[in-house]
Structure formats: C-alpha cells, structure tokens
C-alpha cells in the first residue's frame, strides 16, 4: 500500500496557471497529487511524470487513469530529465512533423498562427 499526503496542492497548481493545451512535467510524481490536478485541467495538453519508485508509480497510475490518458510516466530519476524528456518530446515532435509534411504534400493550407487554415 502507498500512502501519500500532497502538500500545498492548490497553491502549487494554481501557481502554474495550467493551460489546457500545455505540456507539463512533474519531476517527482510520488502519489500523483499535483499530477492529478494538472491532468484534470488538460484537454489537448500532455503531462510527463518522473519517478523511480515502482510502488509509487503503480499507485499514481491508478489515480491518473481515472482522469485521462494524456500523460506519460517516465521510470527514472528527474536528474535524467534532459535525456528522458527529450526522448519523449522527440517522439511527439516526429508525429507532429509527419502531420505537417502530410499537409504540405497534399497541398492543403497550413498555418501555425491559424490552425483552421
């Protein structure tokens, strides 16, 4: 069993001013208190979570799964954020570049400033 008390939950999450389409990283997932609150506010955004405690990860995954699926748990210490997060980000970037290439090769209009074009 995993017990965890989240400290400064509201203050921390409100201070982030979470955007529904933003990308966020929780460097210390733990019991997922902060991550759950962030995930509740995301629609098209994504949350990356770091932890190296397998027991905490299992408990956190159960909590996060009840909220959404737009998160990735990275089984690693956050000191590895540079390599681990870049790996995850690169995979998402490849998918976005594929979409961008598809738009260009099918002669559809594309704009970063006006996605509806």
Protein backbone atom coordinates (compact mmCIF):
# COMPACT_ATOMS: atom_id res chain seq x y z
CA UNK A 1 0.00 0.00 0.00
CA UNK A 2 1.17 3.51 -0.79
CA UNK A 3 0.23 6.44 1.44
CA UNK A 4 0.98 9.99 0.43
CA UNK A 5 -0.14 13.43 1.57
CA UNK A 6 0.15 16.15 -1.06
CA UNK A 7 1.40 19.43 0.36
CA UNK A 8 0.45 22.86 -0.98
CA UNK A 9 -1.73 21.23 -3.61
CA UNK A 10 -3.92 24.18 -4.55
CA UNK A 11 -1.16 26.76 -4.20
CA UNK A 12 1.24 24.82 -6.41
CA UNK A 13 -1.24 24.02 -9.15
CA UNK A 14 -2.85 27.46 -9.18
CA UNK A 15 0.63 28.98 -9.37
CA UNK A 16 1.29 27.03 -12.57
CA UNK A 17 -1.67 28.66 -14.31
CA UNK A 18 -2.23 25.44 -16.27
CA UNK A 19 -3.24 25.88 -19.91
CA UNK A 20 -5.49 23.15 -21.32
CA UNK A 21 -3.17 22.59 -24.28
CA UNK A 22 0.12 22.94 -22.41
CA UNK A 23 2.90 20.47 -21.81
CA UNK A 24 3.85 19.93 -18.18
CA UNK A 25 6.49 17.90 -16.36
CA UNK A 26 6.14 16.63 -12.79
CA UNK A 27 9.67 15.77 -11.71
CA UNK A 28 8.56 13.97 -8.54
CA UNK A 29 5.34 12.05 -9.29
CA UNK A 30 5.03 10.37 -5.88
CA UNK A 31 1.36 9.84 -5.07
CA UNK A 32 0.29 11.95 -8.06
CA UNK A 33 -1.50 14.63 -6.06
CA UNK A 34 -0.15 17.52 -8.12
CA UNK A 35 -0.21 15.50 -11.33
CA UNK A 36 -3.90 14.61 -10.89
CA UNK A 37 -4.81 18.27 -10.50
CA UNK A 38 -2.76 19.25 -13.53
CA UNK A 39 -4.23 16.42 -15.62
CA UNK A 40 -7.78 17.50 -14.71
CA UNK A 41 -7.08 20.84 -16.35
CA UNK A 42 -5.61 19.45 -19.60
CA UNK A 43 -7.68 18.74 -22.70
CA UNK A 44 -5.23 18.54 -25.58
CA UNK A 45 -2.11 19.07 -23.48
CA UNK A 46 0.19 16.41 -22.08
CA UNK A 47 1.75 15.65 -18.71
CA UNK A 48 5.11 13.92 -18.28
CA UNK A 49 5.83 12.45 -14.83
CA UNK A 50 9.14 11.26 -13.43
CA UNK A 51 9.59 8.79 -10.58
CA UNK A 52 11.86 5.88 -9.78
CA UNK A 53 9.72 4.29 -7.05
CA UNK A 54 7.79 1.44 -8.68
CA UNK A 55 5.26 1.29 -5.80
CA UNK A 56 4.53 4.99 -6.17
CA UNK A 57 4.22 4.67 -9.94
CA UNK A 58 1.67 1.84 -9.67
CA UNK A 59 -0.44 3.84 -7.21
CA UNK A 60 -0.13 7.04 -9.25
CA UNK A 61 -1.09 5.30 -12.50
CA UNK A 62 -4.33 4.06 -10.93
CA UNK A 63 -5.20 7.62 -9.89
CA UNK A 64 -4.22 9.21 -13.19
CA UNK A 65 -6.06 6.62 -15.30
CA UNK A 66 -9.33 7.72 -13.66
CA UNK A 67 -8.77 11.23 -15.01
CA UNK A 68 -7.36 10.80 -18.50
CA UNK A 69 -4.77 9.20 -20.72
CA UNK A 70 -2.81 12.23 -21.89
CA UNK A 71 0.13 11.56 -19.61
CA UNK A 72 3.38 9.63 -19.72
CA UNK A 73 5.13 8.16 -16.70
CA UNK A 74 8.88 8.01 -17.07
CA UNK A 75 10.51 5.44 -14.80
CA UNK A 76 13.61 7.44 -13.96
CA UNK A 77 15.07 9.95 -11.57
CA UNK A 78 14.43 13.52 -12.64
CA UNK A 79 18.18 14.11 -12.88
CA UNK A 80 17.78 12.35 -16.24
CA UNK A 81 15.17 14.84 -17.44
CA UNK A 82 17.37 16.13 -20.23
CA UNK A 83 17.70 12.78 -21.98
CA UNK A 84 14.42 11.12 -20.95
CA UNK A 85 12.14 14.08 -21.63
CA UNK A 86 13.87 14.88 -24.90
CA UNK A 87 13.27 11.26 -26.00
CA UNK A 88 9.54 11.59 -25.26
CA UNK A 89 9.33 15.05 -26.77
CA UNK A 90 11.14 13.90 -29.92
CA UNK A 91 8.58 11.12 -30.43
CA UNK A 92 5.73 13.64 -30.20
CA UNK A 93 7.59 16.04 -32.43
CA UNK A 94 8.05 13.33 -35.06
CA UNK A 95 4.30 12.75 -35.09
CA UNK A 96 3.64 16.48 -35.50
CA UNK A 97 6.22 16.79 -38.26
CA UNK A 98 4.59 13.87 -40.08
CA UNK A 99 1.28 15.73 -39.92
CA UNK A 100 2.96 18.91 -41.15
CA UNK A 101 4.60 17.01 -44.03
CA UNK A 102 1.25 15.42 -44.93
CA UNK A 103 -0.36 18.86 -45.12
CA UNK A 104 2.42 20.13 -47.38
CA UNK A 105 2.42 17.13 -49.72
CA UNK A 106 -1.35 17.18 -50.13
CA UNK A 107 -1.28 20.93 -50.92
CA UNK A 108 -3.56 21.80 -48.04
CA UNK A 109 -3.22 25.20 -46.44
CA UNK A 110 -1.32 25.20 -43.16
CA UNK A 111 -0.62 27.90 -40.64
CA UNK A 112 0.96 27.83 -37.18
CA UNK A 113 -0.90 31.01 -36.28
CA UNK A 114 -4.27 29.96 -37.71
CA UNK A 115 -4.71 26.16 -37.29
CA UNK A 116 -8.08 26.27 -39.07
CA UNK A 117 -6.42 27.03 -42.40
